[in-house]
Amino acid sequence: MSNPVPVADEPDSTAVTYRELLQHSTSASEAFVDVQTPPGHFGVVVKNVGGVQTYWFKGTLGDPAARTVARTQHGVGHYIGGGVLGGTPAAH
């Protein structure tokens, strides 16, 4: 079983919402919860300016107002924080 991905304890004041992220993405998966998802969070895989990325949100599955607390940029790294890009690099 996998350990949950590292995420911020709380979204920061500039964290994007699930709704905002979808508006800035060219494609997106359905919102999901899997073995890597921390309790009380959900994820979505999108393609946007940063390429293919998984974003992690604190909140109820699919809540459009949930805010980003981390992202995994596929092939690049994992970042804690709430922006479409940026964040603090973290091991994943």
Protein backbone atom coordinates (compact mmCIF):
# COMPACT_ATOMS: atom_id res chain seq x y z
CA MET A 1 0.00 0.00 0.00
CA SER A 2 1.30 3.48 -0.87
CA ASN A 3 1.78 6.31 1.58
CA PRO A 4 -0.36 9.40 1.00
CA VAL A 5 1.28 12.19 -1.00
CA PRO A 6 2.60 15.10 1.06
CA VAL A 7 0.25 18.10 1.06
CA ALA A 8 0.02 21.44 2.85
CA ASP A 9 -1.90 21.30 6.13
CA GLU A 10 -4.19 24.07 4.88
CA PRO A 11 -4.54 25.81 1.51
CA ASP A 12 -2.74 29.14 1.31
CA SER A 13 -4.55 32.37 0.48
CA THR A 14 -3.54 32.21 -3.20
CA ALA A 15 -4.47 28.54 -3.73
CA VAL A 16 -6.55 27.89 -6.84
CA THR A 17 -9.91 26.19 -6.54
CA TYR A 18 -10.91 23.03 -8.34
CA ARG A 19 -13.22 25.14 -10.54
CA GLU A 20 -10.41 27.60 -11.40
CA LEU A 21 -7.97 24.80 -12.22
CA LEU A 22 -10.42 23.18 -14.63
CA GLN A 23 -10.89 26.55 -16.37
CA HIS A 24 -7.11 26.75 -16.97
CA SER A 25 -6.68 23.17 -18.21
CA THR A 26 -6.98 21.75 -21.70
CA SER A 27 -8.11 18.35 -20.38
CA ALA A 28 -8.96 16.81 -17.01
CA SER A 29 -9.79 13.43 -15.48
CA GLU A 30 -12.68 12.84 -13.14
CA ALA A 31 -11.96 13.79 -9.53
CA PHE A 32 -10.69 10.73 -7.63
CA VAL A 33 -9.59 9.28 -4.32
CA ASP A 34 -6.98 6.51 -4.39
CA VAL A 35 -4.37 4.95 -2.08
CA GLN A 36 -2.07 7.97 -2.45
CA THR A 37 -4.81 10.47 -1.53
CA PRO A 38 -4.63 11.76 2.05
CA PRO A 39 -7.86 11.48 4.09
CA GLY A 40 -10.14 14.48 3.48
CA HIS A 41 -8.62 15.21 0.07
CA PHE A 42 -9.12 14.35 -3.60
CA GLY A 43 -7.09 14.53 -6.78
CA VAL A 44 -7.49 15.27 -10.46
CA VAL A 45 -5.10 14.76 -13.39
CA VAL A 46 -5.01 17.65 -15.86
CA LYS A 47 -3.07 18.86 -18.85
CA ASN A 48 -2.24 22.57 -18.66
CA VAL A 49 0.62 25.02 -19.15
CA GLY A 50 2.84 22.78 -16.95
CA GLY A 51 2.09 19.61 -18.90
CA VAL A 52 0.39 16.61 -17.31
CA GLN A 53 -0.05 17.14 -13.58
CA THR A 54 -1.98 15.70 -10.67
CA TYR A 55 -3.40 18.31 -8.31
CA TRP A 56 -4.47 17.51 -4.76
CA PHE A 57 -7.32 19.38 -3.09
CA LYS A 58 -8.44 19.61 0.52
CA GLY A 59 -12.18 19.00 0.66
CA THR A 60 -15.05 16.81 -0.41
CA LEU A 61 -14.67 14.85 -3.66
CA GLY A 62 -15.41 17.15 -6.60
CA ASP A 63 -16.21 20.28 -4.53
CA PRO A 64 -15.70 23.17 -6.99
CA ALA A 65 -14.60 25.46 -4.12
CA ALA A 66 -11.95 23.03 -2.76
CA ARG A 67 -8.47 24.57 -2.84
CA THR A 68 -5.20 23.07 -4.07
CA VAL A 69 -2.69 21.93 -1.44
CA ALA A 70 -0.15 20.12 -3.68
CA ARG A 71 0.62 19.08 -7.23
CA THR A 72 2.68 16.38 -8.89
CA GLN A 73 4.15 17.48 -12.20
CA HIS A 74 4.57 14.19 -14.07
CA GLY A 75 8.19 13.48 -14.91
CA VAL A 76 9.40 16.54 -12.98
CA GLY A 77 8.54 16.43 -9.26
CA HIS A 78 6.08 16.98 -6.43
CA TYR A 79 5.32 20.41 -4.95
CA ILE A 80 3.46 21.49 -1.83
CA GLY A 81 1.40 24.63 -2.28
CA GLY A 82 -1.65 25.92 -4.03
CA GLY A 83 -0.66 27.54 -7.30
CA VAL A 84 -1.19 26.28 -10.82
CA LEU A 85 2.63 26.24 -10.94
CA GLY A 86 5.29 26.73 -8.28
CA GLY A 87 5.22 25.45 -4.75
CA THR A 88 7.80 23.97 -2.40
CA PRO A 89 9.56 20.88 -3.79
CA ALA A 90 8.88 17.75 -1.73
CA ALA A 91 9.81 14.09 -1.97
CA HIS A 92 7.02 11.84 -3.25
